[in-house]
Amino acid sequence: MKHKLYIFDDHPVVIEGLKKLLEGQDEFQIVGTASDEATALEQIAKLKPDIAIIDISAKDRSGIDVIKKIKSASEGVLVLVFSMHDENVYAERSLRAGAMGYLMKSEPVSRVLLAVRQVLGGGFFFSASLLASIVS
């Protein structure tokens, strides 16, 4: 059985890149994508993916609030943040809101796959640069 994934980002090229990468793996199925919050929240609640991969920064919303809304309206949906922000404060807020991981968009493709698999397996995932700054 394939894991159902949902992608929420306000950049179409990011959505298409993630779709291509993840659909190339036998164990993943993309069940939906969105570039706006209302559509994403509605579809995630309806489709009940195993994991939602979301960008927390966009022009018209607070990603932290989106995580909270997903967690309250769609019980059981795991959240992995996919962000350009290399800041501990975003990662900490994301985790407090219910995310299971924080992945930088600058990470190699292999780390994207590792992050998705690790979160789906019940673990947490952090980008290497974030772990280094937390440890130091």
N, C-alpha and C. Protein backbone atom coordinates (compact mmCIF):
# COMPACT_ATOMS: atom_id res chain seq x y z
N MET A 1 0.83 -1.19 0.00
CA MET A 1 0.00 0.00 0.00
C MET A 1 0.88 1.25 0.00
N LYS A 2 0.51 2.21 -0.83
CA LYS A 2 1.29 3.44 -0.94
C LYS A 2 0.91 4.44 0.15
N HIS A 3 1.90 5.21 0.58
CA HIS A 3 1.65 6.31 1.50
C HIS A 3 1.08 7.48 0.71
N LYS A 4 0.02 8.07 1.24
CA LYS A 4 -0.62 9.21 0.58
C LYS A 4 0.02 10.52 1.06
N LEU A 5 0.47 11.34 0.10
CA LEU A 5 1.13 12.60 0.40
C LEU A 5 0.36 13.77 -0.18
N TYR A 6 0.42 14.89 0.53
CA TYR A 6 -0.19 16.13 0.07
C TYR A 6 0.88 17.21 0.10
N ILE A 7 0.93 18.06 -0.92
CA ILE A 7 1.94 19.11 -1.01
C ILE A 7 1.26 20.47 -1.02
N PHE A 8 1.70 21.35 -0.13
CA PHE A 8 1.17 22.71 -0.02
C PHE A 8 2.32 23.70 -0.06
N ASP A 9 2.41 24.46 -1.15
CA ASP A 9 3.46 25.46 -1.32
C ASP A 9 2.91 26.52 -2.26
N ASP A 10 3.34 27.76 -2.10
CA ASP A 10 2.81 28.81 -2.96
C ASP A 10 3.63 28.99 -4.24
N HIS A 11 4.60 28.13 -4.48
CA HIS A 11 5.40 28.19 -5.70
C HIS A 11 5.14 26.95 -6.55
N PRO A 12 4.51 27.12 -7.71
CA PRO A 12 4.19 25.97 -8.57
C PRO A 12 5.41 25.12 -8.93
N VAL A 13 6.56 25.73 -9.12
CA VAL A 13 7.76 24.96 -9.49
C VAL A 13 8.18 24.05 -8.34
N VAL A 14 7.99 24.47 -7.12
CA VAL A 14 8.32 23.63 -5.96
C VAL A 14 7.35 22.46 -5.90
N ILE A 15 6.07 22.73 -6.09
CA ILE A 15 5.07 21.66 -6.09
C ILE A 15 5.41 20.62 -7.16
N GLU A 16 5.66 21.09 -8.38
CA GLU A 16 5.95 20.16 -9.48
C GLU A 16 7.23 19.38 -9.25
N GLY A 17 8.25 20.04 -8.70
CA GLY A 17 9.50 19.34 -8.40
C GLY A 17 9.32 18.26 -7.35
N LEU A 18 8.61 18.58 -6.28
CA LEU A 18 8.34 17.58 -5.24
C LEU A 18 7.50 16.44 -5.77
N LYS A 19 6.48 16.77 -6.57
CA LYS A 19 5.64 15.72 -7.16
C LYS A 19 6.48 14.76 -7.99
N LYS A 20 7.32 15.30 -8.84
CA LYS A 20 8.15 14.46 -9.71
C LYS A 20 9.08 13.57 -8.88
N LEU A 21 9.70 14.15 -7.88
CA LEU A 21 10.62 13.40 -7.01
C LEU A 21 9.88 12.30 -6.26
N LEU A 22 8.78 12.64 -5.63
CA LEU A 22 8.09 11.69 -4.76
C LEU A 22 7.31 10.64 -5.53
N GLU A 23 6.71 11.02 -6.65
CA GLU A 23 5.98 10.04 -7.45
C GLU A 23 6.93 9.04 -8.12
N GLY A 24 8.20 9.38 -8.17
CA GLY A 24 9.19 8.46 -8.71
C GLY A 24 9.53 7.33 -7.75
N GLN A 25 8.99 7.37 -6.56
CA GLN A 25 9.21 6.35 -5.54
C GLN A 25 7.98 5.45 -5.47
N ASP A 26 8.19 4.17 -5.48
CA ASP A 26 7.08 3.22 -5.49
C ASP A 26 6.14 3.34 -4.29
N GLU A 27 6.66 3.77 -3.15
CA GLU A 27 5.83 3.76 -1.95
C GLU A 27 4.99 5.02 -1.74
N PHE A 28 5.12 6.02 -2.63
CA PHE A 28 4.40 7.28 -2.44
C PHE A 28 3.37 7.53 -3.52
N GLN A 29 2.25 8.16 -3.10
CA GLN A 29 1.21 8.60 -4.03
C GLN A 29 0.82 10.02 -3.64
N ILE A 30 0.93 10.96 -4.57
CA ILE A 30 0.51 12.33 -4.32
C ILE A 30 -1.01 12.38 -4.52
N VAL A 31 -1.73 12.71 -3.44
CA VAL A 31 -3.19 12.73 -3.52
C VAL A 31 -3.74 14.13 -3.76
N GLY A 32 -2.89 15.14 -3.63
CA GLY A 32 -3.35 16.50 -3.89
C GLY A 32 -2.26 17.51 -3.67
N THR A 33 -2.49 18.69 -4.24
CA THR A 33 -1.57 19.82 -4.07
C THR A 33 -2.40 21.09 -4.00
N ALA A 34 -1.81 22.12 -3.40
CA ALA A 34 -2.47 23.42 -3.38
C ALA A 34 -1.43 24.51 -3.20
N SER A 35 -1.80 25.70 -3.66
CA SER A 35 -0.93 26.85 -3.47
C SER A 35 -1.61 27.91 -2.60
N ASP A 36 -2.82 27.63 -2.12
CA ASP A 36 -3.49 28.55 -1.21
C ASP A 36 -4.02 27.78 0.01
N GLU A 37 -4.08 28.49 1.12
CA GLU A 37 -4.43 27.87 2.40
C GLU A 37 -5.82 27.25 2.41
N ALA A 38 -6.82 27.96 1.93
CA ALA A 38 -8.20 27.45 1.99
C ALA A 38 -8.33 26.12 1.25
N THR A 39 -7.77 26.06 0.05
CA THR A 39 -7.84 24.81 -0.72
C THR A 39 -7.09 23.70 -0.01
N ALA A 40 -5.91 24.01 0.48
CA ALA A 40 -5.10 22.99 1.17
C ALA A 40 -5.84 22.43 2.37
N LEU A 41 -6.37 23.29 3.21
CA LEU A 41 -7.05 22.81 4.42
C LEU A 41 -8.29 21.98 4.09
N GLU A 42 -9.04 22.42 3.10
CA GLU A 42 -10.23 21.68 2.68
C GLU A 42 -9.86 20.30 2.13
N GLN A 43 -8.87 20.28 1.25
CA GLN A 43 -8.49 19.00 0.64
C GLN A 43 -7.81 18.06 1.62
N ILE A 44 -6.99 18.58 2.51
CA ILE A 44 -6.33 17.72 3.50
C ILE A 44 -7.38 17.07 4.40
N ALA A 45 -8.37 17.85 4.83
CA ALA A 45 -9.45 17.30 5.67
C ALA A 45 -10.24 16.23 4.92
N LYS A 46 -10.46 16.43 3.64
CA LYS A 46 -11.24 15.49 2.83
C LYS A 46 -10.43 14.26 2.44
N LEU A 47 -9.19 14.47 2.00
CA LEU A 47 -8.38 13.37 1.45
C LEU A 47 -7.64 12.56 2.51
N LYS A 48 -7.44 13.13 3.69
CA LYS A 48 -6.75 12.45 4.79
C LYS A 48 -5.43 11.79 4.35
N PRO A 49 -4.49 12.61 3.85
CA PRO A 49 -3.20 12.03 3.47
C PRO A 49 -2.47 11.54 4.72
N ASP A 50 -1.48 10.69 4.51
CA ASP A 50 -0.65 10.24 5.63
C ASP A 50 0.25 11.38 6.11
N ILE A 51 0.69 12.21 5.16
CA ILE A 51 1.59 13.31 5.48
C ILE A 51 1.30 14.50 4.59
N ALA A 52 1.38 15.68 5.17
CA ALA A 52 1.26 16.93 4.42
C ALA A 52 2.62 17.62 4.47
N ILE A 53 3.16 17.92 3.31
CA ILE A 53 4.44 18.62 3.21
C ILE A 53 4.08 20.07 2.92
N ILE A 54 4.42 20.96 3.85
CA ILE A 54 3.98 22.35 3.70
C ILE A 54 5.12 23.34 3.84
N ASP A 55 4.98 24.44 3.12
CA ASP A 55 5.87 25.59 3.26
C ASP A 55 5.22 26.50 4.30
N ILE A 56 6.00 26.98 5.25
CA ILE A 56 5.38 27.80 6.29
C ILE A 56 5.41 29.29 6.00
N SER A 57 6.05 29.68 4.90
CA SER A 57 6.09 31.11 4.61
C SER A 57 5.48 31.39 3.25
N ALA A 58 4.47 32.23 3.27
CA ALA A 58 3.84 32.67 2.04
C ALA A 58 3.27 34.05 2.29
N LYS A 59 2.89 34.71 1.23
CA LYS A 59 2.48 36.11 1.34
C LYS A 59 1.20 36.34 2.15
N ASP A 60 0.30 35.36 2.19
CA ASP A 60 -1.02 35.63 2.77
C ASP A 60 -1.38 34.78 3.98
N ARG A 61 -0.40 34.17 4.62
CA ARG A 61 -0.77 33.29 5.73
C ARG A 61 0.40 33.08 6.69
N SER A 62 0.08 32.59 7.87
CA SER A 62 1.08 32.17 8.84
C SER A 62 1.16 30.65 8.79
N GLY A 63 2.30 30.14 8.44
CA GLY A 63 2.46 28.70 8.34
C GLY A 63 2.26 27.98 9.66
N ILE A 64 2.59 28.63 10.74
CA ILE A 64 2.40 28.02 12.05
C ILE A 64 0.92 27.80 12.30
N ASP A 65 0.10 28.78 11.93
CA ASP A 65 -1.35 28.63 12.07
C ASP A 65 -1.88 27.52 11.17
N VAL A 66 -1.31 27.38 9.98
CA VAL A 66 -1.72 26.31 9.06
C VAL A 66 -1.45 24.94 9.69
N ILE A 67 -0.29 24.79 10.30
CA ILE A 67 0.05 23.52 10.97
C ILE A 67 -1.00 23.23 12.04
N LYS A 68 -1.31 24.21 12.86
CA LYS A 68 -2.29 24.03 13.93
C LYS A 68 -3.66 23.64 13.37
N LYS A 69 -4.05 24.29 12.28
CA LYS A 69 -5.34 23.98 11.67
C LYS A 69 -5.36 22.56 11.11
N ILE A 70 -4.29 22.16 10.48
CA ILE A 70 -4.21 20.79 9.95
C ILE A 70 -4.32 19.79 11.10
N LYS A 71 -3.57 20.02 12.15
CA LYS A 71 -3.55 19.08 13.28
C LYS A 71 -4.91 19.02 13.99
N SER A 72 -5.63 20.12 14.05
CA SER A 72 -6.92 20.08 14.74
C SER A 72 -8.05 19.55 13.85
N ALA A 73 -7.99 19.83 12.55
CA ALA A 73 -9.09 19.42 11.66
C ALA A 73 -8.87 18.07 11.01
N SER A 74 -7.64 17.62 10.97
CA SER A 74 -7.32 16.38 10.25
C SER A 74 -6.46 15.48 11.12
N GLU A 75 -7.07 14.93 12.12
CA GLU A 75 -6.37 14.08 13.08
C GLU A 75 -5.66 12.94 12.37
N GLY A 76 -4.42 12.72 12.77
CA GLY A 76 -3.64 11.63 12.21
C GLY A 76 -2.77 12.02 11.03
N VAL A 77 -2.98 13.21 10.47
CA VAL A 77 -2.15 13.66 9.35
C VAL A 77 -0.84 14.21 9.91
N LEU A 78 0.26 13.63 9.46
CA LEU A 78 1.58 14.08 9.86
C LEU A 78 1.95 15.31 9.05
N VAL A 79 2.77 16.19 9.63
CA VAL A 79 3.18 17.41 8.94
C VAL A 79 4.70 17.49 8.89
N LEU A 80 5.21 17.72 7.68
CA LEU A 80 6.63 17.98 7.45
C LEU A 80 6.74 19.36 6.84
N VAL A 81 7.47 20.25 7.50
CA VAL A 81 7.67 21.61 6.98
C VAL A 81 8.83 21.58 5.99
N PHE A 82 8.62 22.24 4.86
CA PHE A 82 9.62 22.36 3.79
C PHE A 82 9.82 23.85 3.58
N SER A 83 10.94 24.39 4.07
CA SER A 83 11.08 25.84 4.16
C SER A 83 12.41 26.35 3.63
N MET A 84 12.41 27.61 3.24
CA MET A 84 13.64 28.28 2.84
C MET A 84 14.31 28.95 4.04
N HIS A 85 13.61 29.03 5.16
CA HIS A 85 14.12 29.72 6.34
C HIS A 85 14.99 28.81 7.20
N ASP A 86 16.22 29.20 7.34
CA ASP A 86 17.18 28.45 8.15
C ASP A 86 17.28 29.09 9.53
N GLU A 87 16.17 29.05 10.24
CA GLU A 87 16.14 29.70 11.54
C GLU A 87 15.53 28.76 12.57
N ASN A 88 16.20 28.70 13.72
CA ASN A 88 15.72 27.83 14.80
C ASN A 88 14.33 28.21 15.28
N VAL A 89 14.01 29.51 15.26
CA VAL A 89 12.72 29.94 15.79
C VAL A 89 11.57 29.36 14.96
N TYR A 90 11.72 29.31 13.63
CA TYR A 90 10.68 28.71 12.80
C TYR A 90 10.54 27.22 13.08
N ALA A 91 11.68 26.56 13.21
CA ALA A 91 11.64 25.12 13.47
C ALA A 91 10.99 24.83 14.82
N GLU A 92 11.36 25.58 15.83
CA GLU A 92 10.79 25.37 17.15
C GLU A 92 9.28 25.63 17.15
N ARG A 93 8.86 26.73 16.53
CA ARG A 93 7.43 27.03 16.46
C ARG A 93 6.67 25.96 15.69
N SER A 94 7.27 25.47 14.61
CA SER A 94 6.63 24.42 13.81
C SER A 94 6.41 23.16 14.63
N LEU A 95 7.43 22.77 15.37
CA LEU A 95 7.33 21.57 16.20
C LEU A 95 6.29 21.75 17.30
N ARG A 96 6.28 22.91 17.93
CA ARG A 96 5.29 23.17 18.97
C ARG A 96 3.86 23.14 18.42
N ALA A 97 3.73 23.53 17.15
CA ALA A 97 2.40 23.53 16.51
C ALA A 97 1.97 22.13 16.09
N GLY A 98 2.92 21.18 16.04
CA GLY A 98 2.55 19.81 15.70
C GLY A 98 3.29 19.17 14.55
N ALA A 99 4.21 19.90 13.93
CA ALA A 99 5.00 19.32 12.84
C ALA A 99 5.96 18.26 13.38
N MET A 100 6.27 17.29 12.55
CA MET A 100 7.20 16.22 12.93
C MET A 100 8.59 16.42 12.33
N GLY A 101 8.74 17.44 11.49
CA GLY A 101 10.03 17.68 10.88
C GLY A 101 10.10 19.05 10.26
N TYR A 102 11.35 19.47 10.04
CA TYR A 102 11.62 20.77 9.45
C TYR A 102 12.77 20.58 8.47
N LEU A 103 12.45 20.68 7.20
CA LEU A 103 13.40 20.41 6.13
C LEU A 103 13.66 21.67 5.33
N MET A 104 14.93 21.97 5.13
CA MET A 104 15.31 23.13 4.34
C MET A 104 15.20 22.82 2.85
N LYS A 105 14.75 23.79 2.07
CA LYS A 105 14.65 23.61 0.62
C LYS A 105 16.02 23.48 -0.03
N SER A 106 17.06 23.83 0.69
CA SER A 106 18.42 23.72 0.16
C SER A 106 19.02 22.32 0.35
N GLU A 107 18.30 21.43 1.00
CA GLU A 107 18.81 20.07 1.25
C GLU A 107 18.88 19.27 -0.06
N PRO A 108 19.79 18.30 -0.13
CA PRO A 108 19.85 17.41 -1.30
C PRO A 108 18.59 16.54 -1.40
N VAL A 109 18.31 16.10 -2.61
CA VAL A 109 17.13 15.27 -2.88
C VAL A 109 17.07 14.06 -1.96
N SER A 110 18.21 13.43 -1.73
CA SER A 110 18.22 12.23 -0.88
C SER A 110 17.72 12.53 0.53
N ARG A 111 17.97 13.74 1.03
CA ARG A 111 17.51 14.12 2.37
C ARG A 111 16.00 14.39 2.38
N VAL A 112 15.46 14.86 1.26
CA VAL A 112 14.01 15.05 1.17
C VAL A 112 13.33 13.70 1.32
N LEU A 113 13.81 12.71 0.58
CA LEU A 113 13.23 11.36 0.67
C LEU A 113 13.41 10.79 2.07
N LEU A 114 14.57 10.98 2.66
CA LEU A 114 14.83 10.51 4.02
C LEU A 114 13.87 11.16 5.01
N ALA A 115 13.67 12.47 4.87
CA ALA A 115 12.77 13.19 5.79
C ALA A 115 11.35 12.65 5.71
N VAL A 116 10.85 12.47 4.50
CA VAL A 116 9.48 11.97 4.34
C VAL A 116 9.36 10.57 4.95
N ARG A 117 10.31 9.72 4.65
CA ARG A 117 10.26 8.35 5.19
C ARG A 117 10.38 8.33 6.71
N GLN A 118 11.24 9.16 7.24
CA GLN A 118 11.44 9.19 8.70
C GLN A 118 10.18 9.68 9.42
N VAL A 119 9.55 10.73 8.91
CA VAL A 119 8.33 11.23 9.53
C VAL A 119 7.20 10.21 9.39
N LEU A 120 7.08 9.60 8.22
CA LEU A 120 6.06 8.56 8.04
C LEU A 120 6.28 7.39 8.99
N GLY A 121 7.52 7.13 9.35
CA GLY A 121 7.85 6.06 10.28
C GLY A 121 7.66 6.44 11.74
N GLY A 122 7.18 7.66 11.99
CA GLY A 122 6.92 8.09 13.36
C GLY A 122 8.06 8.86 14.00
N GLY A 123 9.12 9.13 13.23
CA GLY A 123 10.26 9.86 13.78
C GLY A 123 10.21 11.34 13.47
N PHE A 124 11.17 12.04 14.02
CA PHE A 124 11.32 13.47 13.75
C PHE A 124 12.46 13.65 12.76
N PHE A 125 12.44 14.77 12.03
CA PHE A 125 13.51 15.05 11.09
C PHE A 125 13.83 16.54 11.10
N PHE A 126 15.14 16.83 11.12
CA PHE A 126 15.62 18.22 11.05
C PHE A 126 16.71 18.30 10.00
N SER A 127 16.77 19.43 9.30
CA SER A 127 17.86 19.66 8.35
C SER A 127 19.19 19.67 9.08
N ALA A 128 20.22 19.27 8.37
CA ALA A 128 21.56 19.19 8.96
C ALA A 128 22.01 20.54 9.51
N SER A 129 21.74 21.62 8.79
CA SER A 129 22.18 22.94 9.24
C SER A 129 21.46 23.35 10.53
N LEU A 130 20.19 22.97 10.66
CA LEU A 130 19.45 23.27 11.89
C LEU A 130 20.00 22.47 13.06
N LEU A 131 20.28 21.20 12.83
CA LEU A 131 20.85 20.39 13.91
C LEU A 131 22.19 20.94 14.37
N ALA A 132 23.01 21.37 13.43
CA ALA A 132 24.32 21.94 13.77
C ALA A 132 24.17 23.20 14.61
N SER A 133 23.23 24.05 14.26
CA SER A 133 23.06 25.30 15.03
C SER A 133 22.45 25.02 16.40
N ILE A 134 21.58 24.01 16.49
CA ILE A 134 21.00 23.66 17.79
C ILE A 134 22.07 23.09 18.72
N VAL A 135 22.93 22.23 18.18
CA VAL A 135 23.98 21.61 18.98
C VAL A 135 25.00 22.64 19.44
N SER A 136 25.34 23.60 18.56
CA SER A 136 26.35 24.61 18.93
C SER A 136 25.72 25.66 19.82
